[in-house]
Amino acid sequence: MLSAPPHITRVEGFELSAKLSETVGNSRQMFDRRGALLLRVTSNAGAVGWGETWAYPGAAAALIREHFAPALIGRDATTPRAGWQGMAAKLGYDRRGISTMAVGGLDMALWDLAGQIAGRPVHALLGGKLRDRIPAYVSGPFMKPGGNPYRDFEADIAGYLDAGFRAIKLRMGSDPAQDGATAIKVRAQIGDAMPLMVDLNEGFTVEGAMAIAKRLAEVDPVWLEEPIAHDDRPGYRRFAAASPMPLAGGEALFGLRAFRDYLTAGVFDFIQPDLGLCGGLSEGMRISALCEAFEVALVPHVWGSVVNFQASLHFAACLPERRGRLRWPLFEYDPSENPLRTAFASHPLDADGMVAVPDAPGLGLDLTPERLSPFVINHWTIG
């Protein structure tokens, strides 16, 4: 007689916060902390899986406790897609907000749990990796508070070059003249051949962002990222029609339908879902298929803790190659101060500026509540 498959008995949340040594930020906000909600799903046999959502940890935790964690208790621990479907049925009115983030964090944990039980890496469960390592681009430097937000750019970029990064994305958005002058200095520092991207972090109106874009065109960016508010689709149509460079966006889009709407609008040359926000690995793979249908490159947005970082490596390893000005995907690598990543794993670049794809079971994490304890500000259990 066949034994019953392992089932889910417990869901835990760990709300984390880590103080930074200095305040940094972007065109919209400055911050001095890094935070995330980590989720641990446990089976009756003792296997555990970890997931993450990071944008609104407390709000996501409340939704998980009330709506989504109870839907997982008792479910087969080896079938993450079925678990995702069970949670998705409870999304109701909130399909493009915090509920989708909450489901995505749990979905990530379900894939990790299934991989732990099977003794296989998540990328194998997703259909198999297409590469063993991924070219990384450095996501930084960040702006600094005060009258000279770019005062540390030269030193920071020198450090990135020494570390072996082969592409760079700047956080910018002060005023057109200052942004343009700074970008020219950066281009001189990194040379004409290095790919350069610019992120305005939704900080401007169409007119303001266009004024900056015209100043940036001289340095030949691969893309301009989120120049205006992510939900301003009419504005993106206006901007894309006149932009002197390709556009990228999608980190703040939640769920397949939101990506469908922007892909049909034809405004983005690069789509950037974040697994911790967009709905998790299950939704991420559906978004990948949609991008492939529209012939648009997917370049994952990567933020948060070590959990989202590792999950994104598995995801990017499974994405089909697209050949344009560069070969995609690239991996977004934030090397700035972040104890929620660096306290738990090291992700060195190799001599070619690439980061390795993990091959350990599940997401390849080495996490315990004890290791998390210095950063935990709230812990709860369901089941």
Protein backbone atom coordinates (compact mmCIF):
# COMPACT_ATOMS: atom_id res chain seq x y z
CA MET A 1 0.00 0.00 0.00
CA LEU A 2 1.37 3.39 -0.98
CA SER A 3 2.05 5.81 1.87
CA ALA A 4 0.39 9.20 1.85
CA PRO A 5 2.54 12.09 0.55
CA PRO A 6 3.91 14.53 3.11
CA HIS A 7 1.54 17.35 3.93
CA ILE A 8 1.90 20.90 5.24
CA THR A 9 1.41 21.29 8.98
CA ARG A 10 2.72 24.76 9.81
CA VAL A 11 3.32 28.21 8.31
CA GLU A 12 5.52 30.71 10.15
CA GLY A 13 6.30 34.34 9.49
CA PHE A 14 9.49 36.17 10.45
CA GLU A 15 9.28 39.93 10.03
CA LEU A 16 12.86 41.20 9.74
CA SER A 17 14.53 44.60 10.02
CA ALA A 18 18.22 45.52 9.74
CA LYS A 19 19.63 48.98 10.50
CA LEU A 20 22.06 50.36 7.94
CA SER A 21 25.21 52.32 8.75
CA GLU A 22 24.14 55.22 6.50
CA THR A 23 21.07 56.61 4.81
CA VAL A 24 20.79 55.95 1.07
CA GLY A 25 18.01 56.07 -1.49
CA ASN A 26 16.69 57.01 -4.89
CA SER A 27 14.74 59.81 -6.57
CA ARG A 28 11.64 59.14 -4.44
CA GLN A 29 12.82 58.14 -0.99
CA MET A 30 15.71 57.67 1.40
CA PHE A 31 15.99 54.74 3.80
CA ASP A 32 18.21 53.60 6.66
CA ARG A 33 16.83 50.08 7.12
CA ARG A 34 16.31 46.94 5.10
CA GLY A 35 13.25 44.83 5.85
CA ALA A 36 11.47 41.69 4.66
CA LEU A 37 8.90 39.08 5.60
CA LEU A 38 10.35 35.56 5.48
CA LEU A 39 7.96 32.63 5.45
CA ARG A 40 8.74 29.10 6.59
CA VAL A 41 6.43 26.26 5.55
CA THR A 42 6.91 22.91 7.37
CA SER A 43 5.72 19.41 6.46
CA ASN A 44 4.66 16.64 8.83
CA ALA A 45 7.98 14.91 8.08
CA GLY A 46 9.95 17.97 9.22
CA ALA A 47 11.05 19.33 5.83
CA VAL A 48 10.94 23.12 5.56
CA GLY A 49 10.76 25.64 2.72
CA TRP A 50 11.50 29.36 2.82
CA GLY A 51 9.86 32.20 0.90
CA GLU A 52 9.82 35.99 0.95
CA THR A 53 7.90 39.13 0.22
CA TRP A 54 9.48 42.44 1.15
CA ALA A 55 7.51 45.56 0.18
CA TYR A 56 4.89 45.65 2.98
CA PRO A 57 5.88 42.97 5.50
CA GLY A 58 3.29 43.71 8.19
CA ALA A 59 0.36 44.01 5.80
CA ALA A 60 1.34 40.88 3.89
CA ALA A 61 1.71 38.99 7.18
CA ALA A 62 -1.83 39.92 8.23
CA LEU A 63 -3.26 38.63 4.95
CA ILE A 64 -1.26 35.42 5.15
CA ARG A 65 -2.39 34.69 8.70
CA GLU A 66 -6.07 35.31 7.93
CA HIS A 67 -6.51 34.06 4.35
CA PHE A 68 -3.65 32.19 2.74
CA ALA A 69 -1.79 30.14 5.37
CA PRO A 70 -4.98 28.31 6.47
CA ALA A 71 -5.52 27.31 2.82
CA LEU A 72 -2.19 25.47 2.84
CA ILE A 73 -2.51 23.49 6.06
CA GLY A 74 -3.04 19.82 5.22
CA ARG A 75 -2.11 20.19 1.52
CA ASP A 76 0.33 17.93 -0.28
CA ALA A 77 3.80 19.37 0.33
CA THR A 78 5.16 18.05 -2.97
CA THR A 79 2.82 19.95 -5.34
CA PRO A 80 3.62 23.69 -5.26
CA ARG A 81 1.52 24.55 -8.31
CA ALA A 82 -1.55 23.05 -6.68
CA GLY A 83 -0.82 25.05 -3.53
CA TRP A 84 -0.51 28.22 -5.57
CA GLN A 85 -3.85 27.51 -7.26
CA GLY A 86 -5.50 27.00 -3.88
CA MET A 87 -4.24 30.38 -2.68
CA ALA A 88 -5.00 32.15 -5.96
CA ALA A 89 -8.64 31.13 -5.60
CA LYS A 90 -8.78 33.33 -2.50
CA LEU A 91 -7.37 36.49 -4.10
CA GLY A 92 -10.83 37.97 -4.62
CA TYR A 93 -10.85 41.72 -5.19
CA ASP A 94 -7.14 42.29 -4.55
CA ARG A 95 -5.43 40.78 -7.59
CA ARG A 96 -2.83 43.52 -8.10
CA GLY A 97 -1.71 44.41 -4.63
CA ILE A 98 -0.51 43.08 -1.31
CA SER A 99 -2.50 39.84 -1.59
CA THR A 100 -0.49 38.87 -4.67
CA MET A 101 2.74 39.66 -2.82
CA ALA A 102 1.59 37.47 0.08
CA VAL A 103 0.70 34.55 -2.19
CA GLY A 104 4.04 34.94 -3.99
CA GLY A 105 6.03 34.70 -0.77
CA LEU A 106 4.24 31.50 0.20
CA ASP A 107 4.56 30.11 -3.32
CA MET A 108 8.33 30.58 -3.14
CA ALA A 109 8.36 28.61 0.11
CA LEU A 110 6.27 25.82 -1.47
CA TRP A 111 8.81 25.36 -4.27
CA ASP A 112 11.68 25.31 -1.78
CA LEU A 113 9.80 22.75 0.34
CA ALA A 114 9.10 20.52 -2.66
CA GLY A 115 12.76 20.69 -3.67
CA GLN A 116 13.89 19.78 -0.16
CA ILE A 117 11.57 16.76 -0.11
CA ALA A 118 12.66 15.62 -3.59
CA GLY A 119 16.35 16.33 -2.93
CA ARG A 120 16.49 18.43 -6.11
CA PRO A 121 17.13 22.13 -6.80
CA VAL A 122 14.15 24.30 -7.60
CA HIS A 123 15.41 24.98 -11.12
CA ALA A 124 15.16 21.25 -11.83
CA LEU A 125 11.53 21.24 -10.65
CA LEU A 126 10.82 24.22 -12.92
CA GLY A 127 11.91 22.21 -15.95
CA GLY A 128 15.69 22.44 -15.84
CA LYS A 129 18.26 25.20 -15.85
CA LEU A 130 19.55 26.55 -19.16
CA ARG A 131 22.79 27.89 -17.70
CA ASP A 132 25.11 27.26 -14.74
CA ARG A 133 25.99 30.92 -14.21
CA ILE A 134 24.37 34.24 -15.05
CA PRO A 135 26.00 37.54 -16.09
CA ALA A 136 25.39 40.07 -13.32
CA TYR A 137 24.89 43.80 -13.50
CA VAL A 138 25.55 45.92 -10.45
CA SER A 139 22.48 47.73 -9.15
CA GLY A 140 23.92 50.95 -7.73
CA PRO A 141 25.25 53.27 -6.52
CA PHE A 142 22.43 54.73 -4.46
CA MET A 143 21.86 58.43 -4.08
CA LYS A 144 22.73 60.14 -0.79
CA PRO A 145 20.74 62.77 1.14
CA GLY A 146 21.74 66.41 0.89
CA GLY A 147 22.64 68.80 -1.88
CA ASN A 148 25.03 66.45 -3.72
CA PRO A 149 23.25 63.09 -4.11
CA TYR A 150 26.01 61.71 -6.38
CA ARG A 151 28.96 62.61 -4.16
CA ASP A 152 30.08 58.99 -3.65
CA PHE A 153 29.45 57.70 -7.16
CA GLU A 154 33.06 57.75 -8.31
CA ALA A 155 34.35 55.77 -5.31
CA ASP A 156 31.43 53.34 -5.34
CA ILE A 157 31.83 52.62 -9.04
CA ALA A 158 35.57 52.09 -8.64
CA GLY A 159 34.73 49.41 -6.09
CA TYR A 160 32.25 47.76 -8.47
CA LEU A 161 34.87 47.64 -11.22
CA ASP A 162 37.41 46.12 -8.83
CA ALA A 163 34.81 43.49 -7.83
CA GLY A 164 34.50 42.41 -11.46
CA PHE A 165 31.12 43.76 -12.54
CA ARG A 166 30.78 44.15 -16.31
CA ALA A 167 27.55 46.23 -16.42
CA ILE A 168 26.09 48.91 -14.16
CA LYS A 169 22.73 50.50 -13.35
CA LEU A 170 22.70 53.96 -11.76
CA ARG A 171 20.05 55.30 -9.39
CA MET A 172 19.41 58.83 -10.63
CA GLY A 173 16.81 61.57 -10.60
CA SER A 174 17.92 64.95 -9.27
CA ASP A 175 17.51 67.46 -12.10
CA PRO A 176 18.28 67.19 -15.83
CA ALA A 177 21.52 69.16 -15.75
CA GLN A 178 22.99 67.39 -12.71
CA ASP A 179 21.86 63.97 -13.90
CA GLY A 180 23.31 64.51 -17.36
CA ALA A 181 26.65 65.80 -16.07
CA THR A 182 26.96 62.92 -13.61
CA ALA A 183 26.14 60.31 -16.25
CA ILE A 184 28.86 61.74 -18.52
CA LYS A 185 31.39 61.44 -15.68
CA VAL A 186 30.34 57.85 -15.05
CA ARG A 187 30.64 56.97 -18.74
CA ALA A 188 34.16 58.38 -18.78
CA GLN A 189 35.02 56.32 -15.68
CA ILE A 190 33.68 52.98 -16.97
CA GLY A 191 34.55 53.40 -20.64
CA ASP A 192 32.45 53.36 -23.77
CA ALA A 193 32.04 49.58 -23.98
CA MET A 194 30.48 48.82 -20.58
CA PRO A 195 26.67 48.52 -20.63
CA LEU A 196 25.07 51.32 -18.61
CA MET A 197 21.46 51.51 -17.40
CA VAL A 198 19.65 54.25 -15.46
CA ASP A 199 16.78 53.88 -12.95
CA LEU A 200 14.62 56.91 -12.09
CA ASN A 201 12.46 54.93 -9.61
CA GLU A 202 9.13 56.44 -10.72
CA GLY A 203 10.24 59.85 -9.54
CA PHE A 204 8.96 62.15 -12.31
CA THR A 205 6.16 63.31 -14.55
CA VAL A 206 6.37 62.53 -18.25
CA GLU A 207 7.73 65.99 -18.98
CA GLY A 208 10.32 65.90 -16.18
CA ALA A 209 11.51 62.41 -17.06
CA MET A 210 11.78 63.29 -20.74
CA ALA A 211 14.00 66.27 -19.91
CA ILE A 212 16.31 63.92 -18.00
CA ALA A 213 16.21 61.29 -20.75
CA LYS A 214 17.37 63.80 -23.34
CA ARG A 215 20.40 64.63 -21.17
CA LEU A 216 21.16 60.95 -20.61
CA ALA A 217 20.99 59.99 -24.30
CA GLU A 218 24.62 61.08 -24.76
CA VAL A 219 25.87 58.18 -22.60
CA ASP A 220 23.90 55.58 -24.61
CA PRO A 221 21.97 53.73 -21.88
CA VAL A 222 20.81 50.20 -22.56
CA TRP A 223 17.55 51.18 -20.87
CA LEU A 224 15.85 53.86 -18.81
CA GLU A 225 13.99 52.21 -15.94
CA GLU A 226 10.67 53.36 -14.47
CA PRO A 227 10.93 57.07 -15.30
CA ILE A 228 7.30 57.69 -14.21
CA ALA A 229 4.74 56.08 -11.87
CA HIS A 230 4.35 52.38 -12.63
CA ASP A 231 0.56 52.57 -12.94
CA ASP A 232 0.52 55.48 -15.43
CA ARG A 233 -0.06 53.48 -18.60
CA PRO A 234 -1.21 56.50 -20.65
CA GLY A 235 1.91 58.34 -19.53
CA TYR A 236 4.10 55.42 -20.59
CA ARG A 237 2.52 55.43 -24.01
CA ARG A 238 3.36 59.12 -24.38
CA PHE A 239 6.86 58.60 -23.04
CA ALA A 240 7.65 55.54 -25.15
CA ALA A 241 6.56 57.32 -28.33
CA ALA A 242 9.20 60.01 -27.82
CA SER A 243 11.87 58.30 -25.70
CA PRO A 244 15.44 58.44 -27.06
CA MET A 245 16.21 55.08 -25.43
CA PRO A 246 14.54 51.74 -24.60
CA LEU A 247 12.37 51.52 -21.48
CA ALA A 248 12.34 48.95 -18.67
CA GLY A 249 9.84 48.33 -15.89
CA GLY A 250 7.67 45.86 -14.06
CA GLU A 251 9.07 45.50 -10.55
CA ALA A 252 5.88 47.10 -9.16
CA LEU A 253 3.47 45.06 -11.29
CA PHE A 254 1.63 42.25 -9.53
CA GLY A 255 0.14 39.25 -11.26
CA LEU A 256 -0.02 38.02 -14.83
CA ARG A 257 -2.81 40.35 -15.92
CA ALA A 258 -0.85 43.48 -15.04
CA PHE A 259 2.06 42.33 -17.20
CA ARG A 260 -0.35 41.43 -20.00
CA ASP A 261 -1.71 44.99 -19.98
CA TYR A 262 1.73 46.60 -20.28
CA LEU A 263 2.95 44.14 -22.89
CA THR A 264 -0.09 44.79 -25.06
CA ALA A 265 0.51 48.53 -24.60
CA GLY A 266 3.97 48.01 -26.14
CA VAL A 267 5.77 50.45 -23.85
CA PHE A 268 8.50 48.28 -22.30
CA ASP A 269 11.50 46.82 -24.10
CA PHE A 270 12.50 44.97 -20.92
CA ILE A 271 10.16 43.45 -18.33
CA GLN A 272 11.35 43.21 -14.70
CA PRO A 273 9.13 41.13 -12.42
CA ASP A 274 10.26 40.68 -8.83
CA LEU A 275 9.45 37.20 -7.50
CA GLY A 276 8.80 38.59 -4.02
CA LEU A 277 6.08 40.87 -5.40
CA CYS A 278 4.70 39.55 -8.69
CA GLY A 279 3.20 36.32 -7.34
CA GLY A 280 6.17 34.02 -6.77
CA LEU A 281 7.85 31.41 -8.93
CA SER A 282 4.59 29.96 -10.26
CA GLU A 283 3.46 33.36 -11.51
CA GLY A 284 6.97 34.27 -12.59
CA MET A 285 7.09 31.33 -15.00
CA ARG A 286 3.73 32.37 -16.48
CA ILE A 287 5.02 35.93 -16.92
CA SER A 288 8.12 34.53 -18.61
CA ALA A 289 5.97 32.67 -21.13
CA LEU A 290 3.99 35.83 -21.79
CA CYS A 291 7.19 37.81 -22.43
CA GLU A 292 8.37 35.12 -24.80
CA ALA A 293 5.10 35.38 -26.74
CA PHE A 294 5.59 39.14 -27.06
CA GLU A 295 9.31 38.85 -27.92
CA VAL A 296 10.30 41.00 -24.94
CA ALA A 297 13.34 40.23 -22.77
CA LEU A 298 12.72 39.42 -19.11
CA VAL A 299 15.35 40.72 -16.68
CA PRO A 300 14.31 39.90 -13.08
CA HIS A 301 14.21 42.64 -10.49
CA VAL A 302 16.02 41.43 -7.36
CA TRP A 303 15.63 43.04 -3.93
CA GLY A 304 15.07 41.98 -0.33
CA SER A 305 16.87 39.21 1.53
CA VAL A 306 18.93 36.16 0.69
CA VAL A 307 15.72 34.20 0.02
CA ASN A 308 14.55 36.32 -2.91
CA PHE A 309 18.13 36.53 -4.19
CA GLN A 310 18.50 32.74 -4.32
CA ALA A 311 15.02 32.19 -5.75
CA SER A 312 15.78 34.71 -8.48
CA LEU A 313 18.94 32.82 -9.42
CA HIS A 314 16.90 29.64 -9.93
CA PHE A 315 14.32 31.58 -11.93
CA ALA A 316 16.87 33.35 -14.14
CA ALA A 317 18.63 30.05 -14.80
CA CYS A 318 15.44 28.77 -16.47
CA LEU A 319 14.71 31.80 -18.67
CA PRO A 320 15.22 31.41 -22.43
CA GLU A 321 18.08 33.35 -23.94
CA ARG A 322 17.23 36.44 -25.94
CA ARG A 323 19.78 38.12 -28.17
CA GLY A 324 19.58 41.84 -28.59
CA ARG A 325 22.14 44.48 -27.86
CA LEU A 326 23.19 42.12 -25.05
CA ARG A 327 22.35 38.53 -24.28
CA TRP A 328 19.55 38.21 -21.75
CA PRO A 329 18.85 37.48 -19.01
CA LEU A 330 21.17 39.52 -16.85
CA PHE A 331 21.01 39.21 -13.07
CA GLU A 332 20.42 42.29 -10.93
CA TYR A 333 23.01 42.25 -8.14
CA ASP A 334 22.72 44.79 -5.32
CA PRO A 335 26.09 44.84 -3.50
CA SER A 336 25.14 47.64 -1.10
CA GLU A 337 24.94 47.11 2.65
CA ASN A 338 22.28 44.46 3.29
CA PRO A 339 22.70 42.19 6.32
CA LEU A 340 19.54 40.31 5.35
CA ARG A 341 21.51 38.83 2.46
CA THR A 342 25.16 38.88 3.45
CA ALA A 343 24.67 37.43 6.96
CA PHE A 344 23.41 34.18 5.44
CA ALA A 345 25.24 33.58 2.17
CA SER A 346 28.06 34.77 -0.07
CA HIS A 347 27.55 35.27 -3.80
CA PRO A 348 30.94 36.08 -5.32
CA LEU A 349 31.36 36.93 -8.99
CA ASP A 350 33.64 34.76 -11.06
CA ALA A 351 36.37 36.06 -13.34
CA ASP A 352 33.80 36.73 -16.08
CA GLY A 353 31.51 38.85 -13.91
CA MET A 354 28.97 36.04 -13.47
CA VAL A 355 27.19 34.60 -10.43
CA ALA A 356 26.75 30.85 -10.00
CA VAL A 357 23.37 29.12 -9.95
CA PRO A 358 22.84 27.05 -6.76
CA ASP A 359 22.55 23.27 -7.15
CA ALA A 360 21.69 22.24 -3.59
CA PRO A 361 18.16 20.93 -2.88
CA GLY A 362 15.35 23.48 -2.92
CA LEU A 363 16.57 27.06 -3.08
CA GLY A 364 19.89 26.05 -1.51
CA LEU A 365 19.41 28.10 1.65
CA ASP A 366 20.98 27.58 5.07
CA LEU A 367 18.47 29.33 7.32
CA THR A 368 17.22 28.65 10.84
CA PRO A 369 15.15 30.75 13.23
CA GLU A 370 18.24 31.01 15.42
CA ARG A 371 20.30 32.55 12.61
CA LEU A 372 17.50 35.00 11.85
CA SER A 373 16.98 36.03 15.47
CA PRO A 374 19.18 39.18 15.44
CA PHE A 375 16.85 40.71 12.84
CA VAL A 376 13.43 39.40 13.93
CA ILE A 377 10.93 42.04 15.06
CA ASN A 378 7.86 39.77 14.92
CA HIS A 379 7.33 36.03 14.68
CA TRP A 380 4.03 34.17 14.33
CA THR A 381 2.81 30.65 13.58
CA ILE A 382 -0.28 29.21 11.87
CA GLY A 383 -1.12 25.51 12.19
